[in-house]
Each structure stands twice: as C-alpha cells, then as structure tokens.
C-alpha cells in the first residue's frame, strides 16, 4: 500500500519543517502553496519536488486541488501546524496493509493553546477525518472549517495528531479576525442574518459552552482564555454579519 500526504501552505516557515519531517517516510508529499513570501518553499523542497503555487480559493477548494494531485492509494491530509508521531505512523501503516480496512479513518488531535496542550474545552479528543482511500472522499467547498465527505465506512485510530494550534495571543487574535470575516461572508451567502442581540447571545453561549459544558475550567487559565477567545470570535462573526447585511441593503 502506498501513501500520499497533502498539505496546503502560506507563510508557514515556523512550523512546516516539523510537519513534513514527521511524514518524510510517505511515498509522496504534495504541497499546494498560496503565495508564501517567507522560507516555506525552500523548506518544503528539502523533502519534496511536488510544490505547487496557486491562488487562494478557500480551505476546502484548495485542499481539493491538492487531493487531485495525489497519485497513491491512500491519502493523509495534514495542516502545516500538525505532526505525526512515530506511534501514529505505525498505526497508519498497519491499517493501510489490512485489505479489509475501512474507507477512511478519524484520528484524535491533541492541540496546544498558547503553550498548553488542552485536555478539555472541546479540544480533546478532537476527532478529525484525515486518512482515506483515494477516490473514496473529498473536501467540502467551505471557505473555512471544511470537512471531508466520505463514501464508505469510517474507522477510528488511537494515537493522536499533534497540533500546535496557537503559539501566542497575536496568532489567536489574527486568526479570530480573519475567520470571523470569512464566517460572516459564508453565513450571508447562506441567507443568514444577524443583529446586535444575536451577536451578544451567541458570544455568551460560546463562552458558556467552552468553559462549562466542555469543562474548559479544568484547563486552568488557558481554558478561560480559550473560552473568551471563542466567545469573541463568535461575537465578531455575528456582528460582521449584521454590518455586512446592512451594507448590502
């Protein structure tokens, strides 16, 4: 059985080396970049010549572009800030050599927030579909929070993907602003509308859900910080949707 790893990038010089080196054992590595201006390309080319540059159509469409370039029987999709442990590598190799295996597998993801690996807050265990037979799955066309749509049965792996999500608050705030803008546009395109009351209530519910329902308080100060940033991101998404609707009118 052979494996293609696909990764999409833009200005990922701080994390991409760890990502690709953790899957250097794969038969094929495909990188689709959207105009990096840092050392991303140079680092990637240490591991693969399959480096392609495209415009940015959104996460789902960009990952489908990378998927279309894959030539091996199995595909593993990774984000540039994720890594595969030796234990997960052995588990992946085991399931690929089993002829009776599933069409795709969900894998737990252990994510860090400002230096702390979260144990609760909805971040663990955060199961994501990442390993699948080529031809049995594709990515949704969502601009953010894309998902893999699978034709066939799903299995579950035990060892986690290591995800260095946010190194500091600067990265948190930058991502929050960018994702809330894209999220508002997607909601507007789907006919959703908002007002100030909705923005406030959805933000408060997001905090309560992260901190209380998903036991974020057990993650210490980072659990509180994450709950606040989730609330802010939700609040700004609905607020931007309100202002976007008014502008269109």
Protein backbone atom coordinates (compact mmCIF):
# COMPACT_ATOMS: atom_id res chain seq x y z
CA UNK A 1 0.00 0.00 0.00
CA UNK A 2 1.26 3.50 -0.83
CA UNK A 3 0.55 6.85 0.81
CA UNK A 4 0.32 10.47 -0.37
CA UNK A 5 0.48 13.26 2.21
CA UNK A 6 -1.16 16.54 1.17
CA UNK A 7 -0.53 19.90 2.87
CA UNK A 8 -1.65 23.42 1.95
CA UNK A 9 0.57 26.31 2.97
CA UNK A 10 1.11 30.05 3.11
CA UNK A 11 3.99 31.59 5.09
CA UNK A 12 4.43 28.54 7.33
CA UNK A 13 8.20 28.68 7.86
CA UNK A 14 7.89 28.35 11.65
CA UNK A 15 6.00 25.05 11.55
CA UNK A 16 6.27 23.37 8.15
CA UNK A 17 9.63 21.66 8.79
CA UNK A 18 8.24 19.80 11.81
CA UNK A 19 5.14 18.88 9.84
CA UNK A 20 6.83 17.46 6.75
CA UNK A 21 9.73 15.81 8.56
CA UNK A 22 7.17 13.84 10.60
CA UNK A 23 5.83 12.28 7.34
CA UNK A 24 9.08 12.07 5.37
CA UNK A 25 8.51 8.30 5.26
CA UNK A 26 5.45 8.71 2.99
CA UNK A 27 5.66 7.63 -0.65
CA UNK A 28 4.58 11.06 -1.92
CA UNK A 29 4.25 14.53 -0.39
CA UNK A 30 2.14 17.17 -2.19
CA UNK A 31 2.37 20.83 -1.16
CA UNK A 32 -0.05 23.41 -2.55
CA UNK A 33 1.02 26.93 -1.61
CA UNK A 34 -0.92 30.18 -1.99
CA UNK A 35 1.88 32.69 -2.40
CA UNK A 36 4.28 32.35 0.52
CA UNK A 37 6.80 35.18 0.85
CA UNK A 38 8.91 33.57 3.59
CA UNK A 39 11.10 30.42 3.60
CA UNK A 40 8.19 27.99 3.23
CA UNK A 41 9.05 26.88 -0.31
CA UNK A 42 12.73 26.41 0.46
CA UNK A 43 11.95 24.26 3.48
CA UNK A 44 9.36 22.17 1.62
CA UNK A 45 11.74 21.46 -1.25
CA UNK A 46 14.12 19.74 1.17
CA UNK A 47 11.55 16.96 1.32
CA UNK A 48 9.65 17.04 -1.99
CA UNK A 49 9.68 18.46 -5.50
CA UNK A 50 5.89 18.38 -5.58
CA UNK A 51 5.47 22.04 -4.65
CA UNK A 52 2.72 23.93 -6.47
CA UNK A 53 1.65 27.57 -6.25
CA UNK A 54 -1.99 28.63 -6.72
CA UNK A 55 -4.32 31.46 -5.84
CA UNK A 56 -6.41 31.21 -2.65
CA UNK A 57 -10.00 29.98 -3.21
CA UNK A 58 -10.59 28.94 0.41
CA UNK A 59 -9.59 25.94 2.54
CA UNK A 60 -11.95 23.35 1.05
CA UNK A 61 -11.27 24.14 -2.64
CA UNK A 62 -7.52 24.42 -2.03
CA UNK A 63 -7.39 21.02 -0.35
CA UNK A 64 -9.35 19.51 -3.23
CA UNK A 65 -6.68 20.89 -5.57
CA UNK A 66 -4.01 19.13 -3.53
CA UNK A 67 -6.09 15.95 -3.45
CA UNK A 68 -6.41 15.97 -7.26
CA UNK A 69 -2.60 15.82 -7.50
CA UNK A 70 -2.28 12.74 -5.26
CA UNK A 71 -1.32 9.53 -7.10
CA UNK A 72 -1.10 6.91 -4.33
CA UNK A 73 -3.76 4.56 -3.00
CA UNK A 74 -4.10 6.22 0.40
CA UNK A 75 -4.17 9.94 1.27
CA UNK A 76 -3.28 11.63 4.57
CA UNK A 77 -4.29 15.29 4.86
CA UNK A 78 -2.35 17.45 7.31
CA UNK A 79 -2.36 21.12 8.22
CA UNK A 80 1.01 22.86 8.25
CA UNK A 81 0.98 23.12 12.06
CA UNK A 82 0.33 19.40 12.62
CA UNK A 83 2.70 16.46 13.12
CA UNK A 84 2.52 12.67 13.05
CA UNK A 85 4.10 10.81 15.97
CA UNK A 86 6.06 7.55 15.45
CA UNK A 87 3.23 5.68 17.20
CA UNK A 88 0.61 7.10 14.84
CA UNK A 89 2.85 6.32 11.85
CA UNK A 90 2.92 2.63 12.83
CA UNK A 91 -0.85 2.62 13.32
CA UNK A 92 -1.39 4.20 9.88
CA UNK A 93 0.91 1.66 8.23
CA UNK A 94 -0.94 -1.19 9.95
CA UNK A 95 -4.40 -0.16 8.74
CA UNK A 96 -3.19 0.51 5.18
CA UNK A 97 -1.90 -3.05 4.87
CA UNK A 98 -5.21 -4.54 6.02
CA UNK A 99 -7.28 -5.41 2.92
CA UNK A 100 -10.49 -5.46 4.98
CA UNK A 101 -9.98 -1.97 6.34
CA UNK A 102 -12.39 1.00 6.23
CA UNK A 103 -12.58 3.65 3.52
CA UNK A 104 -11.42 6.38 5.91
CA UNK A 105 -10.28 6.91 9.48
CA UNK A 106 -10.86 9.55 12.12
CA UNK A 107 -7.83 10.42 14.23
CA UNK A 108 -7.78 12.17 17.63
CA UNK A 109 -5.97 15.51 17.62
CA UNK A 110 -4.08 16.91 20.63
CA UNK A 111 -3.91 20.70 20.29
CA UNK A 112 -1.92 23.32 22.14
CA UNK A 113 -3.15 26.80 23.01
CA UNK A 114 -0.52 29.40 23.97
CA UNK A 115 1.89 26.67 25.06
CA UNK A 116 -0.54 24.34 26.84
CA UNK A 117 -1.97 21.12 25.42
CA UNK A 118 -5.67 21.25 26.21
CA UNK A 119 -7.37 18.29 27.88
CA UNK A 120 -10.93 19.63 27.72
CA UNK A 121 -12.65 22.74 26.25
CA UNK A 122 -13.87 20.73 23.25
CA UNK A 123 -10.28 20.32 22.10
CA UNK A 124 -9.69 16.77 23.33
CA UNK A 125 -10.35 14.30 22.00
CA UNK A 126 -10.90 16.29 18.82
CA UNK A 127 -11.55 13.58 16.22
CA UNK A 128 -10.81 14.62 12.63
CA UNK A 129 -11.06 12.60 9.41
CA UNK A 130 -7.62 12.73 7.79
CA UNK A 131 -6.73 9.30 6.36
CA UNK A 132 -8.72 7.86 3.48
CA UNK A 133 -8.53 5.78 0.32
CA UNK A 134 -8.09 7.94 -2.77
CA UNK A 135 -11.39 8.16 -4.62
CA UNK A 136 -13.48 7.49 -1.52
CA UNK A 137 -13.54 11.04 -0.13
CA UNK A 138 -13.30 14.71 -0.99
CA UNK A 139 -13.33 18.01 0.87
CA UNK A 140 -16.39 20.22 1.15
CA UNK A 141 -16.19 23.56 -0.66
CA UNK A 142 -16.43 25.56 2.58
CA UNK A 143 -14.05 28.52 2.73
CA UNK A 144 -13.21 27.67 6.37
CA UNK A 145 -13.97 24.73 8.67
CA UNK A 146 -14.04 22.42 5.66
CA UNK A 147 -14.89 18.77 6.25
CA UNK A 148 -14.09 15.51 4.50
CA UNK A 149 -17.09 13.78 2.92
CA UNK A 150 -16.55 10.01 2.82
CA UNK A 151 -18.18 7.39 0.64
CA UNK A 152 -17.81 4.25 2.74
CA UNK A 153 -17.23 3.16 6.32
CA UNK A 154 -15.23 5.07 8.93
CA UNK A 155 -12.72 3.55 11.33
CA UNK A 156 -11.02 5.15 14.32
CA UNK A 157 -7.34 5.34 15.18
CA UNK A 158 -5.96 5.58 18.71
CA UNK A 159 -2.79 7.70 18.60
CA UNK A 160 -3.22 11.47 18.12
CA UNK A 161 -2.09 14.02 15.58
CA UNK A 162 -0.02 16.66 17.40
CA UNK A 163 -1.40 20.12 16.63
CA UNK A 164 0.48 23.27 17.61
CA UNK A 165 -2.55 25.48 17.08
CA UNK A 166 -1.69 28.86 18.60
CA UNK A 167 1.73 29.88 19.89
CA UNK A 168 0.68 33.24 21.35
CA UNK A 169 -2.17 35.73 21.60
CA UNK A 170 -1.05 37.60 18.50
CA UNK A 171 -1.76 34.50 16.45
CA UNK A 172 -5.08 33.95 18.25
CA UNK A 173 -6.26 37.50 17.51
CA UNK A 174 -5.10 37.43 13.90
CA UNK A 175 -6.88 34.14 13.23
CA UNK A 176 -10.02 35.29 15.07
CA UNK A 177 -10.27 38.40 12.92
CA UNK A 178 -9.67 36.54 9.66
CA UNK A 179 -12.01 33.63 10.41
CA UNK A 180 -14.83 35.83 11.72
CA UNK A 181 -14.75 37.83 8.47
CA UNK A 182 -14.85 34.71 6.30
CA UNK A 183 -17.50 33.12 8.53
CA UNK A 184 -19.74 36.18 8.25
CA UNK A 185 -19.47 36.11 4.45
CA UNK A 186 -20.36 32.41 4.35
CA UNK A 187 -23.36 32.93 6.62
CA UNK A 188 -24.55 35.84 4.48
CA UNK A 189 -24.28 33.74 1.33
CA UNK A 190 -26.46 31.09 3.01
CA UNK A 191 -29.14 33.66 3.74
CA UNK A 192 -28.47 34.08 7.46
CA UNK A 193 -28.98 37.44 9.15
CA UNK A 194 -27.94 38.90 12.49
CA UNK A 195 -28.41 41.79 14.88
CA UNK A 196 -26.66 43.06 17.99
CA UNK A 197 -28.71 40.89 20.34
CA UNK A 198 -27.85 37.74 18.37
CA UNK A 199 -24.16 38.65 18.38
CA UNK A 200 -24.14 39.11 22.16
CA UNK A 201 -26.18 35.99 22.92
CA UNK A 202 -24.20 33.73 20.58
CA UNK A 203 -20.96 35.07 22.09
CA UNK A 204 -22.14 34.38 25.64
CA UNK A 205 -23.32 30.89 24.72
CA UNK A 206 -19.96 30.14 23.10
CA UNK A 207 -18.16 31.09 26.33
CA UNK A 208 -20.54 29.01 28.48
CA UNK A 209 -20.30 26.03 26.15
CA UNK A 210 -16.47 26.07 26.09
CA UNK A 211 -15.88 26.86 29.76
CA UNK A 212 -18.69 24.96 31.46
CA UNK A 213 -20.30 22.39 29.14
CA UNK A 214 -16.96 21.27 27.68
CA UNK A 215 -15.18 21.60 31.05
CA UNK A 216 -12.77 24.31 29.96
CA UNK A 217 -12.36 25.39 33.59
CA UNK A 218 -10.32 22.20 34.09
CA UNK A 219 -7.73 23.55 31.64
CA UNK A 220 -6.74 26.32 34.04
CA UNK A 221 -6.06 29.84 32.86
CA UNK A 222 -5.68 28.69 29.23
CA UNK A 223 -9.15 27.17 29.42
CA UNK A 224 -10.55 30.55 30.43
CA UNK A 225 -8.51 32.32 27.74
CA UNK A 226 -9.77 29.92 25.08
CA UNK A 227 -13.38 30.34 26.20
CA UNK A 228 -13.03 34.12 25.96
CA UNK A 229 -11.42 33.97 22.51
CA UNK A 230 -14.14 31.58 21.28
CA UNK A 231 -16.77 33.99 22.60
CA UNK A 232 -15.08 36.96 20.94
CA UNK A 233 -14.75 35.15 17.62
CA UNK A 234 -18.42 34.20 17.68
CA UNK A 235 -19.50 37.71 18.70
CA UNK A 236 -17.46 39.34 15.93
CA UNK A 237 -18.70 36.86 13.33
CA UNK A 238 -22.35 37.72 14.03
CA UNK A 239 -21.53 41.42 14.37
CA UNK A 240 -19.77 41.41 10.99
CA UNK A 241 -22.73 39.54 9.50
CA UNK A 242 -25.05 42.28 10.79
CA UNK A 243 -22.90 45.05 9.30
CA UNK A 244 -22.44 43.15 6.04
CA UNK A 245 -26.20 42.75 5.67
CA UNK A 246 -26.77 46.45 6.29
CA UNK A 247 -24.09 47.33 3.75
CA UNK A 248 -25.62 45.09 1.08
CA UNK A 249 -29.04 46.62 1.66
